[in-house]
N, C-alpha and C. Protein backbone atom coordinates (compact mmCIF):
# COMPACT_ATOMS: atom_id res chain seq x y z
N MET A 1 11.36 -3.95 14.53
CA MET A 1 10.20 -4.67 13.98
C MET A 1 9.49 -3.76 12.98
N ASP A 2 9.15 -4.28 11.77
CA ASP A 2 8.52 -3.44 10.78
C ASP A 2 7.02 -3.29 11.06
N SER A 3 6.36 -2.40 10.26
CA SER A 3 4.96 -2.09 10.53
C SER A 3 4.05 -3.28 10.31
N ILE A 4 4.38 -4.15 9.34
CA ILE A 4 3.54 -5.32 9.09
C ILE A 4 3.56 -6.24 10.30
N ALA A 5 4.77 -6.54 10.81
CA ALA A 5 4.88 -7.42 11.97
C ALA A 5 4.23 -6.79 13.20
N ALA A 6 4.42 -5.47 13.36
CA ALA A 6 3.89 -4.79 14.54
C ALA A 6 2.37 -4.82 14.57
N ALA A 7 1.73 -4.79 13.39
CA ALA A 7 0.28 -4.75 13.33
C ALA A 7 -0.36 -6.12 13.43
N ALA A 8 0.42 -7.18 13.31
CA ALA A 8 -0.13 -8.53 13.28
C ALA A 8 -0.48 -9.00 14.67
N PRO A 9 -1.50 -9.87 14.78
CA PRO A 9 -1.77 -10.51 16.07
C PRO A 9 -0.59 -11.40 16.45
N ARG A 10 -0.44 -11.65 17.73
CA ARG A 10 0.70 -12.43 18.21
C ARG A 10 0.32 -13.89 18.35
N LEU A 11 1.28 -14.75 18.07
CA LEU A 11 1.07 -16.18 18.26
C LEU A 11 1.02 -16.51 19.74
N ARG A 12 0.09 -17.37 20.11
CA ARG A 12 0.08 -17.87 21.48
C ARG A 12 1.33 -18.73 21.67
N PRO A 13 2.00 -18.63 22.81
CA PRO A 13 3.27 -19.35 23.00
C PRO A 13 3.07 -20.83 23.31
N ILE A 14 2.55 -21.53 22.32
CA ILE A 14 2.27 -22.97 22.46
C ILE A 14 2.98 -23.68 21.32
N PRO A 15 3.82 -24.66 21.59
CA PRO A 15 4.52 -25.37 20.52
C PRO A 15 3.55 -26.18 19.66
N PHE A 16 3.90 -26.34 18.40
CA PHE A 16 3.09 -27.17 17.49
C PHE A 16 3.98 -27.65 16.36
N TRP A 17 3.46 -28.60 15.60
CA TRP A 17 4.13 -29.09 14.41
C TRP A 17 3.50 -28.48 13.17
N PHE A 18 4.33 -28.16 12.18
CA PHE A 18 3.83 -27.67 10.88
C PHE A 18 4.31 -28.61 9.79
N LEU A 19 3.41 -28.91 8.84
CA LEU A 19 3.76 -29.74 7.70
C LEU A 19 3.19 -29.11 6.44
N ARG A 20 4.08 -28.72 5.54
CA ARG A 20 3.60 -28.28 4.22
C ARG A 20 3.15 -29.52 3.45
N HIS A 21 2.15 -29.35 2.61
CA HIS A 21 1.62 -30.46 1.80
C HIS A 21 2.71 -31.09 0.92
N GLY A 22 2.43 -32.31 0.45
CA GLY A 22 3.32 -32.97 -0.49
C GLY A 22 3.32 -32.29 -1.85
N GLU A 23 4.21 -32.74 -2.70
CA GLU A 23 4.41 -32.11 -4.01
C GLU A 23 3.19 -32.27 -4.92
N THR A 24 2.98 -31.25 -5.75
CA THR A 24 1.99 -31.28 -6.83
C THR A 24 2.73 -31.08 -8.16
N ASP A 25 2.02 -31.31 -9.26
CA ASP A 25 2.65 -31.06 -10.56
C ASP A 25 3.03 -29.60 -10.73
N TRP A 26 2.22 -28.69 -10.20
CA TRP A 26 2.56 -27.28 -10.31
C TRP A 26 3.79 -26.94 -9.47
N ASN A 27 3.96 -27.58 -8.31
CA ASN A 27 5.21 -27.41 -7.57
C ASN A 27 6.39 -27.82 -8.43
N ALA A 28 6.28 -28.99 -9.05
CA ALA A 28 7.38 -29.52 -9.85
C ALA A 28 7.69 -28.63 -11.04
N GLN A 29 6.67 -27.93 -11.55
CA GLN A 29 6.86 -27.06 -12.70
C GLN A 29 7.21 -25.62 -12.31
N GLY A 30 7.26 -25.34 -11.00
CA GLY A 30 7.59 -23.99 -10.55
C GLY A 30 6.50 -22.97 -10.79
N LEU A 31 5.23 -23.39 -10.70
CA LEU A 31 4.10 -22.49 -10.92
C LEU A 31 3.47 -22.09 -9.60
N SER A 32 2.97 -20.86 -9.54
CA SER A 32 2.26 -20.38 -8.35
C SER A 32 0.89 -21.03 -8.28
N GLN A 33 0.56 -21.63 -7.14
CA GLN A 33 -0.72 -22.31 -7.00
C GLN A 33 -1.78 -21.44 -6.34
N GLY A 34 -1.42 -20.79 -5.24
CA GLY A 34 -2.40 -19.99 -4.54
C GLY A 34 -3.62 -20.81 -4.17
N ASN A 35 -4.80 -20.30 -4.51
CA ASN A 35 -6.04 -20.98 -4.14
C ASN A 35 -6.54 -21.96 -5.20
N VAL A 36 -5.77 -22.16 -6.26
CA VAL A 36 -6.15 -23.18 -7.24
C VAL A 36 -5.93 -24.54 -6.58
N ASP A 37 -6.93 -25.42 -6.67
CA ASP A 37 -6.90 -26.66 -5.90
C ASP A 37 -6.20 -27.77 -6.69
N ILE A 38 -4.87 -27.70 -6.75
CA ILE A 38 -4.06 -28.66 -7.47
C ILE A 38 -3.82 -29.88 -6.57
N PRO A 39 -4.06 -31.11 -7.06
CA PRO A 39 -3.90 -32.30 -6.22
C PRO A 39 -2.45 -32.72 -6.08
N LEU A 40 -2.19 -33.58 -5.12
CA LEU A 40 -0.87 -34.20 -4.99
C LEU A 40 -0.55 -35.03 -6.23
N ASN A 41 0.73 -35.06 -6.60
CA ASN A 41 1.17 -36.02 -7.61
C ASN A 41 1.72 -37.27 -6.90
N GLN A 42 2.25 -38.20 -7.67
CA GLN A 42 2.72 -39.44 -7.06
C GLN A 42 3.87 -39.20 -6.09
N VAL A 43 4.74 -38.26 -6.42
CA VAL A 43 5.81 -37.90 -5.48
C VAL A 43 5.21 -37.35 -4.20
N GLY A 44 4.18 -36.53 -4.34
CA GLY A 44 3.54 -35.94 -3.17
C GLY A 44 2.91 -36.97 -2.25
N PHE A 45 2.29 -38.00 -2.84
CA PHE A 45 1.73 -39.07 -2.01
C PHE A 45 2.83 -39.79 -1.25
N ALA A 46 3.95 -40.08 -1.93
CA ALA A 46 5.07 -40.76 -1.26
C ALA A 46 5.66 -39.89 -0.16
N GLN A 47 5.74 -38.58 -0.41
CA GLN A 47 6.27 -37.67 0.61
C GLN A 47 5.36 -37.65 1.84
N ALA A 48 4.06 -37.64 1.61
CA ALA A 48 3.11 -37.62 2.73
C ALA A 48 3.23 -38.90 3.55
N GLU A 49 3.39 -40.04 2.89
CA GLU A 49 3.54 -41.30 3.61
C GLU A 49 4.83 -41.31 4.43
N ARG A 50 5.89 -40.73 3.87
CA ARG A 50 7.15 -40.66 4.62
C ARG A 50 7.00 -39.75 5.83
N ALA A 51 6.32 -38.61 5.66
CA ALA A 51 6.09 -37.71 6.80
C ALA A 51 5.28 -38.41 7.88
N ALA A 52 4.31 -39.23 7.47
CA ALA A 52 3.50 -39.96 8.44
C ALA A 52 4.37 -40.88 9.27
N ARG A 53 5.29 -41.59 8.65
CA ARG A 53 6.18 -42.47 9.39
C ARG A 53 7.07 -41.68 10.34
N THR A 54 7.53 -40.52 9.89
CA THR A 54 8.38 -39.67 10.73
C THR A 54 7.65 -39.21 11.98
N LEU A 55 6.36 -38.91 11.85
CA LEU A 55 5.60 -38.33 12.95
C LEU A 55 5.01 -39.35 13.91
N ARG A 56 5.25 -40.64 13.67
CA ARG A 56 4.68 -41.68 14.53
C ARG A 56 5.02 -41.47 16.01
N GLY A 57 6.23 -41.08 16.30
CA GLY A 57 6.66 -40.95 17.69
C GLY A 57 6.55 -39.56 18.26
N ALA A 58 5.87 -38.65 17.56
CA ALA A 58 5.83 -37.25 18.00
C ALA A 58 4.73 -36.98 19.01
N GLY A 59 3.87 -37.94 19.29
CA GLY A 59 2.81 -37.74 20.27
C GLY A 59 1.70 -36.84 19.80
N ILE A 60 1.52 -36.67 18.49
CA ILE A 60 0.49 -35.78 17.97
C ILE A 60 -0.88 -36.17 18.51
N ALA A 61 -1.63 -35.18 19.00
CA ALA A 61 -2.97 -35.43 19.53
C ALA A 61 -4.07 -34.91 18.61
N THR A 62 -3.75 -33.89 17.79
CA THR A 62 -4.75 -33.24 16.94
C THR A 62 -4.12 -32.91 15.60
N ILE A 63 -4.85 -33.13 14.53
CA ILE A 63 -4.40 -32.75 13.19
C ILE A 63 -5.41 -31.77 12.61
N VAL A 64 -4.92 -30.62 12.16
CA VAL A 64 -5.77 -29.60 11.56
C VAL A 64 -5.18 -29.24 10.20
N ALA A 65 -6.01 -29.15 9.18
CA ALA A 65 -5.53 -28.95 7.82
C ALA A 65 -6.27 -27.83 7.10
N SER A 66 -5.60 -27.29 6.11
CA SER A 66 -6.23 -26.41 5.12
C SER A 66 -7.29 -27.20 4.35
N PRO A 67 -8.33 -26.53 3.85
CA PRO A 67 -9.34 -27.24 3.07
C PRO A 67 -8.89 -27.62 1.67
N LEU A 68 -7.82 -27.02 1.15
CA LEU A 68 -7.37 -27.34 -0.20
C LEU A 68 -6.86 -28.78 -0.24
N SER A 69 -7.17 -29.50 -1.30
CA SER A 69 -6.98 -30.95 -1.31
C SER A 69 -5.53 -31.37 -1.13
N ARG A 70 -4.58 -30.60 -1.63
CA ARG A 70 -3.17 -31.01 -1.50
C ARG A 70 -2.75 -31.06 -0.04
N ALA A 71 -3.31 -30.17 0.79
CA ALA A 71 -3.02 -30.20 2.23
C ALA A 71 -3.92 -31.19 2.95
N ARG A 72 -5.19 -31.19 2.59
CA ARG A 72 -6.14 -32.08 3.27
C ARG A 72 -5.77 -33.54 3.06
N VAL A 73 -5.40 -33.92 1.83
CA VAL A 73 -5.04 -35.31 1.56
C VAL A 73 -3.73 -35.67 2.25
N THR A 74 -2.77 -34.76 2.25
CA THR A 74 -1.54 -34.99 3.01
C THR A 74 -1.87 -35.27 4.47
N ALA A 75 -2.75 -34.45 5.05
CA ALA A 75 -3.14 -34.64 6.44
C ALA A 75 -3.85 -35.98 6.64
N GLU A 76 -4.69 -36.37 5.69
CA GLU A 76 -5.41 -37.64 5.83
C GLU A 76 -4.46 -38.83 5.79
N ILE A 77 -3.40 -38.74 4.99
CA ILE A 77 -2.42 -39.83 4.93
C ILE A 77 -1.70 -39.94 6.28
N VAL A 78 -1.32 -38.81 6.84
CA VAL A 78 -0.68 -38.82 8.17
C VAL A 78 -1.68 -39.34 9.22
N ALA A 79 -2.91 -38.85 9.13
CA ALA A 79 -3.92 -39.22 10.12
C ALA A 79 -4.19 -40.71 10.12
N GLU A 80 -4.18 -41.32 8.94
CA GLU A 80 -4.42 -42.77 8.88
C GLU A 80 -3.33 -43.53 9.64
N THR A 81 -2.08 -43.09 9.49
CA THR A 81 -0.98 -43.73 10.20
C THR A 81 -1.07 -43.51 11.70
N LEU A 82 -1.48 -42.31 12.10
CA LEU A 82 -1.52 -41.97 13.53
C LEU A 82 -2.84 -42.34 14.20
N GLY A 83 -3.83 -42.76 13.43
CA GLY A 83 -5.11 -43.14 14.01
C GLY A 83 -5.89 -41.96 14.55
N LEU A 84 -5.83 -40.82 13.83
CA LEU A 84 -6.50 -39.60 14.27
C LEU A 84 -7.42 -39.05 13.19
N PRO A 85 -8.43 -38.28 13.56
CA PRO A 85 -9.25 -37.57 12.56
C PRO A 85 -8.53 -36.31 12.09
N VAL A 86 -9.04 -35.72 11.03
CA VAL A 86 -8.53 -34.45 10.52
C VAL A 86 -9.60 -33.39 10.66
N ALA A 87 -9.27 -32.30 11.34
CA ALA A 87 -10.15 -31.14 11.41
C ALA A 87 -9.74 -30.15 10.33
N ILE A 88 -10.69 -29.42 9.77
CA ILE A 88 -10.41 -28.44 8.73
C ILE A 88 -10.53 -27.03 9.30
N GLU A 89 -9.53 -26.21 9.02
CA GLU A 89 -9.53 -24.80 9.40
C GLU A 89 -9.46 -23.97 8.11
N GLU A 90 -10.56 -23.30 7.78
CA GLU A 90 -10.65 -22.59 6.51
C GLU A 90 -9.54 -21.56 6.33
N ASP A 91 -9.14 -20.89 7.40
CA ASP A 91 -8.15 -19.82 7.28
C ASP A 91 -6.72 -20.33 7.15
N LEU A 92 -6.52 -21.66 7.10
CA LEU A 92 -5.21 -22.21 6.76
C LEU A 92 -5.00 -22.33 5.26
N ARG A 93 -6.02 -21.98 4.46
CA ARG A 93 -5.86 -22.10 3.01
C ARG A 93 -4.73 -21.20 2.52
N GLU A 94 -4.19 -21.55 1.36
CA GLU A 94 -3.06 -20.80 0.83
C GLU A 94 -3.48 -19.39 0.46
N VAL A 95 -2.50 -18.49 0.39
CA VAL A 95 -2.75 -17.12 -0.03
C VAL A 95 -3.36 -17.10 -1.42
N ALA A 96 -4.25 -16.14 -1.67
CA ALA A 96 -4.76 -15.92 -3.02
C ALA A 96 -3.74 -15.08 -3.78
N PHE A 97 -3.23 -15.63 -4.88
CA PHE A 97 -2.22 -14.91 -5.67
C PHE A 97 -2.81 -14.22 -6.89
N GLY A 98 -4.13 -14.22 -7.01
CA GLY A 98 -4.77 -13.47 -8.08
C GLY A 98 -4.26 -13.86 -9.46
N GLU A 99 -3.86 -12.87 -10.25
CA GLU A 99 -3.42 -13.10 -11.62
C GLU A 99 -2.15 -13.92 -11.72
N GLN A 100 -1.41 -14.09 -10.61
CA GLN A 100 -0.18 -14.88 -10.65
C GLN A 100 -0.43 -16.38 -10.53
N GLU A 101 -1.65 -16.78 -10.18
CA GLU A 101 -1.93 -18.20 -10.04
C GLU A 101 -1.82 -18.89 -11.39
N GLY A 102 -1.06 -19.98 -11.42
CA GLY A 102 -0.81 -20.71 -12.66
C GLY A 102 0.34 -20.16 -13.46
N GLN A 103 0.97 -19.08 -12.98
CA GLN A 103 2.11 -18.48 -13.67
C GLN A 103 3.42 -18.92 -13.01
N PRO A 104 4.54 -18.84 -13.76
CA PRO A 104 5.83 -19.19 -13.15
C PRO A 104 6.13 -18.31 -11.93
N MET A 105 6.75 -18.92 -10.93
CA MET A 105 7.16 -18.15 -9.74
C MET A 105 8.08 -17.02 -10.18
N GLY A 106 7.80 -15.81 -9.73
CA GLY A 106 8.60 -14.66 -10.14
C GLY A 106 9.53 -14.19 -9.04
N ASP A 107 10.07 -12.99 -9.23
CA ASP A 107 11.01 -12.41 -8.27
C ASP A 107 10.36 -11.28 -7.47
N TRP A 108 9.02 -11.35 -7.34
CA TRP A 108 8.29 -10.26 -6.71
C TRP A 108 7.96 -10.54 -5.24
N TYR A 109 8.39 -11.69 -4.71
CA TYR A 109 8.03 -12.05 -3.34
C TYR A 109 8.53 -11.02 -2.32
N ASP A 110 9.75 -10.54 -2.48
CA ASP A 110 10.28 -9.57 -1.52
C ASP A 110 9.40 -8.32 -1.48
N ASP A 111 9.00 -7.83 -2.66
CA ASP A 111 8.13 -6.66 -2.71
C ASP A 111 6.77 -6.95 -2.09
N TRP A 112 6.26 -8.15 -2.32
CA TRP A 112 4.96 -8.53 -1.74
C TRP A 112 5.05 -8.58 -0.21
N ILE A 113 6.10 -9.18 0.31
CA ILE A 113 6.28 -9.28 1.76
C ILE A 113 6.44 -7.89 2.38
N ARG A 114 7.12 -7.01 1.66
CA ARG A 114 7.35 -5.64 2.15
C ARG A 114 6.09 -4.79 2.06
N GLY A 115 5.10 -5.23 1.30
CA GLY A 115 3.88 -4.45 1.13
C GLY A 115 3.93 -3.50 -0.03
N ALA A 116 4.97 -3.63 -0.88
CA ALA A 116 5.13 -2.72 -2.01
C ALA A 116 4.41 -3.21 -3.26
N PHE A 117 4.02 -4.48 -3.29
CA PHE A 117 3.36 -5.05 -4.48
C PHE A 117 2.47 -6.20 -4.05
N THR A 118 1.27 -6.24 -4.63
CA THR A 118 0.38 -7.39 -4.49
C THR A 118 -0.16 -7.71 -5.87
N PRO A 119 -0.11 -8.97 -6.31
CA PRO A 119 -0.64 -9.30 -7.63
C PRO A 119 -2.10 -8.87 -7.75
N PRO A 120 -2.50 -8.34 -8.90
CA PRO A 120 -3.91 -7.96 -9.08
C PRO A 120 -4.84 -9.11 -8.72
N GLY A 121 -5.82 -8.81 -7.87
CA GLY A 121 -6.75 -9.82 -7.42
C GLY A 121 -6.22 -10.68 -6.29
N GLY A 122 -5.01 -10.39 -5.82
CA GLY A 122 -4.39 -11.21 -4.78
C GLY A 122 -4.58 -10.65 -3.38
N GLU A 123 -4.05 -11.39 -2.42
CA GLU A 123 -4.14 -11.05 -1.00
C GLU A 123 -2.84 -10.41 -0.56
N THR A 124 -2.92 -9.36 0.22
CA THR A 124 -1.70 -8.72 0.71
C THR A 124 -1.00 -9.64 1.71
N PHE A 125 0.31 -9.43 1.85
CA PHE A 125 1.06 -10.20 2.84
C PHE A 125 0.55 -9.90 4.24
N ALA A 126 0.22 -8.64 4.51
CA ALA A 126 -0.29 -8.28 5.84
C ALA A 126 -1.58 -9.02 6.16
N ALA A 127 -2.47 -9.16 5.17
CA ALA A 127 -3.73 -9.88 5.40
C ALA A 127 -3.46 -11.36 5.64
N LEU A 128 -2.53 -11.93 4.86
CA LEU A 128 -2.17 -13.34 5.05
C LEU A 128 -1.58 -13.55 6.44
N LEU A 129 -0.71 -12.65 6.87
CA LEU A 129 -0.09 -12.76 8.18
C LEU A 129 -1.13 -12.74 9.29
N ALA A 130 -2.06 -11.80 9.23
CA ALA A 130 -3.11 -11.71 10.26
C ALA A 130 -3.99 -12.96 10.25
N ARG A 131 -4.37 -13.39 9.06
CA ARG A 131 -5.22 -14.58 8.93
C ARG A 131 -4.50 -15.83 9.43
N GLY A 132 -3.24 -15.98 9.03
CA GLY A 132 -2.47 -17.16 9.41
C GLY A 132 -2.24 -17.26 10.91
N VAL A 133 -1.88 -16.16 11.53
CA VAL A 133 -1.64 -16.17 12.98
C VAL A 133 -2.93 -16.48 13.72
N ALA A 134 -4.04 -15.87 13.32
CA ALA A 134 -5.32 -16.15 13.98
C ALA A 134 -5.69 -17.63 13.83
N ALA A 135 -5.43 -18.19 12.64
CA ALA A 135 -5.75 -19.61 12.41
C ALA A 135 -4.89 -20.51 13.29
N ILE A 136 -3.60 -20.22 13.39
CA ILE A 136 -2.72 -21.03 14.24
C ILE A 136 -3.16 -20.93 15.70
N ASN A 137 -3.55 -19.75 16.14
CA ASN A 137 -4.00 -19.60 17.53
C ASN A 137 -5.25 -20.43 17.80
N ARG A 138 -6.13 -20.55 16.81
CA ARG A 138 -7.29 -21.43 16.99
C ARG A 138 -6.86 -22.89 17.01
N CYS A 139 -5.89 -23.22 16.16
CA CYS A 139 -5.41 -24.61 16.12
C CYS A 139 -4.78 -25.01 17.45
N THR A 140 -3.93 -24.16 18.00
CA THR A 140 -3.22 -24.52 19.22
C THR A 140 -4.09 -24.44 20.47
N ALA A 141 -5.32 -23.96 20.31
CA ALA A 141 -6.28 -24.03 21.42
C ALA A 141 -6.86 -25.43 21.56
N ARG A 142 -6.62 -26.28 20.57
CA ARG A 142 -7.08 -27.67 20.61
C ARG A 142 -6.10 -28.51 21.42
N PRO A 143 -6.47 -29.76 21.78
CA PRO A 143 -5.55 -30.62 22.52
C PRO A 143 -4.24 -30.82 21.75
N GLY A 144 -3.13 -30.68 22.43
CA GLY A 144 -1.83 -30.77 21.78
C GLY A 144 -1.06 -32.01 22.18
N PRO A 145 0.06 -32.24 21.49
CA PRO A 145 0.60 -31.44 20.40
C PRO A 145 -0.29 -31.46 19.16
N VAL A 146 -0.35 -30.32 18.48
CA VAL A 146 -1.16 -30.16 17.28
C VAL A 146 -0.24 -30.22 16.06
N LEU A 147 -0.69 -30.90 15.02
CA LEU A 147 -0.04 -30.89 13.72
C LEU A 147 -0.90 -30.04 12.78
N VAL A 148 -0.30 -28.99 12.21
CA VAL A 148 -0.96 -28.13 11.24
C VAL A 148 -0.43 -28.49 9.85
N VAL A 149 -1.33 -28.81 8.93
CA VAL A 149 -0.94 -29.17 7.56
C VAL A 149 -1.47 -28.10 6.62
N ALA A 150 -0.55 -27.36 6.00
CA ALA A 150 -0.98 -26.21 5.21
C ALA A 150 0.00 -25.95 4.06
N HIS A 151 0.42 -24.69 3.88
CA HIS A 151 1.02 -24.26 2.62
C HIS A 151 2.29 -23.43 2.81
N GLY A 152 3.03 -23.31 1.71
CA GLY A 152 4.33 -22.64 1.74
C GLY A 152 4.27 -21.15 1.96
N ALA A 153 3.42 -20.43 1.21
CA ALA A 153 3.35 -18.98 1.40
C ALA A 153 2.80 -18.64 2.78
N LEU A 154 1.83 -19.44 3.24
CA LEU A 154 1.31 -19.21 4.59
C LEU A 154 2.43 -19.37 5.62
N PHE A 155 3.32 -20.35 5.40
CA PHE A 155 4.40 -20.53 6.36
C PHE A 155 5.41 -19.38 6.27
N ARG A 156 5.55 -18.75 5.09
CA ARG A 156 6.37 -17.54 5.01
C ARG A 156 5.84 -16.48 5.97
N ALA A 157 4.52 -16.31 5.99
CA ALA A 157 3.92 -15.34 6.91
C ALA A 157 4.16 -15.76 8.36
N LEU A 158 4.02 -17.05 8.64
CA LEU A 158 4.26 -17.51 10.00
C LEU A 158 5.72 -17.30 10.39
N ARG A 159 6.64 -17.46 9.45
CA ARG A 159 8.06 -17.20 9.76
C ARG A 159 8.24 -15.76 10.25
N ARG A 160 7.53 -14.82 9.65
CA ARG A 160 7.59 -13.44 10.12
C ARG A 160 7.09 -13.36 11.56
N ALA A 161 5.98 -14.03 11.84
CA ALA A 161 5.44 -14.02 13.20
C ALA A 161 6.37 -14.72 14.19
N PHE A 162 7.14 -15.70 13.70
CA PHE A 162 8.10 -16.41 14.55
C PHE A 162 9.35 -15.59 14.83
N GLY A 163 9.54 -14.46 14.11
CA GLY A 163 10.75 -13.67 14.27
C GLY A 163 11.88 -14.08 13.35
N HIS A 164 11.53 -14.74 12.22
CA HIS A 164 12.53 -15.20 11.25
C HIS A 164 12.35 -14.47 9.92
N GLU A 165 13.38 -14.52 9.08
CA GLU A 165 13.28 -14.02 7.71
C GLU A 165 12.16 -14.77 7.01
N PRO A 166 11.18 -14.06 6.44
CA PRO A 166 10.03 -14.77 5.89
C PRO A 166 10.24 -15.40 4.52
N ASN A 167 11.05 -14.79 3.67
CA ASN A 167 11.11 -15.24 2.28
C ASN A 167 12.06 -16.42 2.12
N VAL A 168 11.69 -17.53 2.73
CA VAL A 168 12.45 -18.78 2.69
C VAL A 168 11.50 -19.89 2.27
N ARG A 169 11.89 -20.68 1.29
CA ARG A 169 11.02 -21.75 0.81
C ARG A 169 10.99 -22.90 1.82
N THR A 170 9.80 -23.39 2.09
CA THR A 170 9.62 -24.54 2.98
C THR A 170 9.51 -25.80 2.12
N PRO A 171 10.32 -26.82 2.36
CA PRO A 171 10.23 -28.04 1.56
C PRO A 171 8.87 -28.72 1.70
N ASN A 172 8.49 -29.41 0.66
CA ASN A 172 7.25 -30.19 0.72
C ASN A 172 7.38 -31.32 1.74
N ALA A 173 6.34 -31.47 2.57
CA ALA A 173 6.17 -32.63 3.46
C ALA A 173 7.35 -32.87 4.40
N LEU A 174 7.96 -31.81 4.88
CA LEU A 174 9.00 -31.91 5.91
C LEU A 174 8.41 -31.43 7.23
N PRO A 175 8.19 -32.32 8.20
CA PRO A 175 7.64 -31.87 9.49
C PRO A 175 8.59 -30.92 10.20
N ILE A 176 8.04 -29.82 10.71
CA ILE A 176 8.84 -28.80 11.41
C ILE A 176 8.21 -28.56 12.77
N ARG A 177 8.99 -28.73 13.83
CA ARG A 177 8.50 -28.43 15.18
C ARG A 177 8.75 -26.96 15.46
N CYS A 178 7.70 -26.25 15.82
CA CYS A 178 7.74 -24.81 16.06
C CYS A 178 7.60 -24.59 17.57
N THR A 179 8.66 -24.05 18.19
CA THR A 179 8.71 -23.94 19.64
C THR A 179 8.88 -22.48 20.05
N PRO A 180 8.04 -21.98 20.95
CA PRO A 180 8.14 -20.57 21.37
C PRO A 180 9.51 -20.28 21.99
N PRO A 181 9.93 -19.02 21.92
CA PRO A 181 11.22 -18.67 22.52
C PRO A 181 11.21 -18.83 24.03
N ALA A 182 12.36 -19.17 24.58
CA ALA A 182 12.51 -19.19 26.04
C ALA A 182 12.35 -17.78 26.58
N GLU A 183 12.14 -17.69 27.88
CA GLU A 183 11.97 -16.37 28.50
C GLU A 183 13.14 -15.47 28.15
N GLY A 184 12.82 -14.29 27.65
CA GLY A 184 13.86 -13.35 27.24
C GLY A 184 14.24 -13.47 25.79
N GLY A 185 13.82 -14.54 25.13
CA GLY A 185 14.12 -14.72 23.72
C GLY A 185 13.12 -14.00 22.83
N THR A 186 13.44 -13.91 21.55
CA THR A 186 12.56 -13.21 20.62
C THR A 186 12.09 -14.08 19.48
N ALA A 187 12.87 -15.07 19.06
CA ALA A 187 12.52 -15.88 17.90
C ALA A 187 12.16 -17.30 18.31
N TRP A 188 11.14 -17.83 17.66
CA TRP A 188 10.78 -19.23 17.86
C TRP A 188 11.86 -20.13 17.28
N ALA A 189 11.99 -21.34 17.82
CA ALA A 189 12.86 -22.36 17.24
C ALA A 189 12.06 -23.15 16.21
N LEU A 190 12.66 -23.31 15.03
CA LEU A 190 12.03 -24.07 13.95
C LEU A 190 12.93 -25.26 13.65
N ASP A 191 12.51 -26.45 14.07
CA ASP A 191 13.36 -27.63 14.00
C ASP A 191 12.76 -28.67 13.07
N PRO A 192 13.35 -28.86 11.87
CA PRO A 192 12.88 -29.92 10.98
C PRO A 192 13.12 -31.29 11.58
N ALA A 193 12.20 -32.18 11.39
CA ALA A 193 12.36 -33.55 11.89
C ALA A 193 13.30 -34.32 10.98
N ALA A 194 13.99 -35.28 11.54
CA ALA A 194 14.79 -36.21 10.73
C ALA A 194 13.82 -37.16 10.05
N LEU A 195 13.80 -37.14 8.72
CA LEU A 195 12.82 -37.92 7.98
C LEU A 195 13.06 -39.41 8.13
N ALA A 196 11.97 -40.15 8.17
CA ALA A 196 12.06 -41.61 8.19
C ALA A 196 12.69 -42.09 6.90
N PRO A 197 13.34 -43.23 6.93
CA PRO A 197 13.98 -43.74 5.72
C PRO A 197 12.96 -44.04 4.64
N GLU A 198 13.40 -43.93 3.38
CA GLU A 198 12.54 -44.29 2.26
C GLU A 198 12.20 -45.78 2.34
N VAL A 199 10.99 -46.11 1.92
CA VAL A 199 10.59 -47.52 1.85
C VAL A 199 10.90 -48.00 0.43
N PRO A 200 11.74 -49.04 0.29
CA PRO A 200 12.06 -49.49 -1.06
C PRO A 200 10.83 -50.02 -1.78
N PRO A 201 10.76 -49.82 -3.10
CA PRO A 201 9.60 -50.33 -3.85
C PRO A 201 9.51 -51.85 -3.76
N ARG A 202 8.29 -52.36 -3.75
CA ARG A 202 8.08 -53.79 -3.66
C ARG A 202 8.17 -54.43 -5.05
């Protein structure tokens, strides 16, 4: 285990669902969003509606979202289908990428995750990891199963806490069930849901 993972708080062993927000125009253009509050595009709205249909049978009891609109609106679309309110957790917001926000995605993620580089004005991976784990622990203290609606870089940090390779892109609006390891295990199970079929246009 590396020093970043060793210093991070540990996830409480409680299963939950994670959903990255639907697509935005900056996602489609390959731009870093960070804390810039970019809204969902039309594809993103459709993705959120599809995720809502997928999660109908998951027994979700609580929905908690990042305050950024792309995640909050995704959560609200799911919540409307499930008949639930949306709680906001400030520390689920996306990582601050500083000067990289609005710029094309680069090849510096590995260095950032390793702690060798942080964009000027940005948040370190270690800080994101600590913040993200603490936020998830607060979320899973609520009645479960809990659905967390947040962001891609934040889920990279959570992947590290889960015992997985962190630098893996999470698809937009794909529900993922996160299950603690069985006794004696080390890595959480990350199981994407089978998406509901597309609804043909009327």
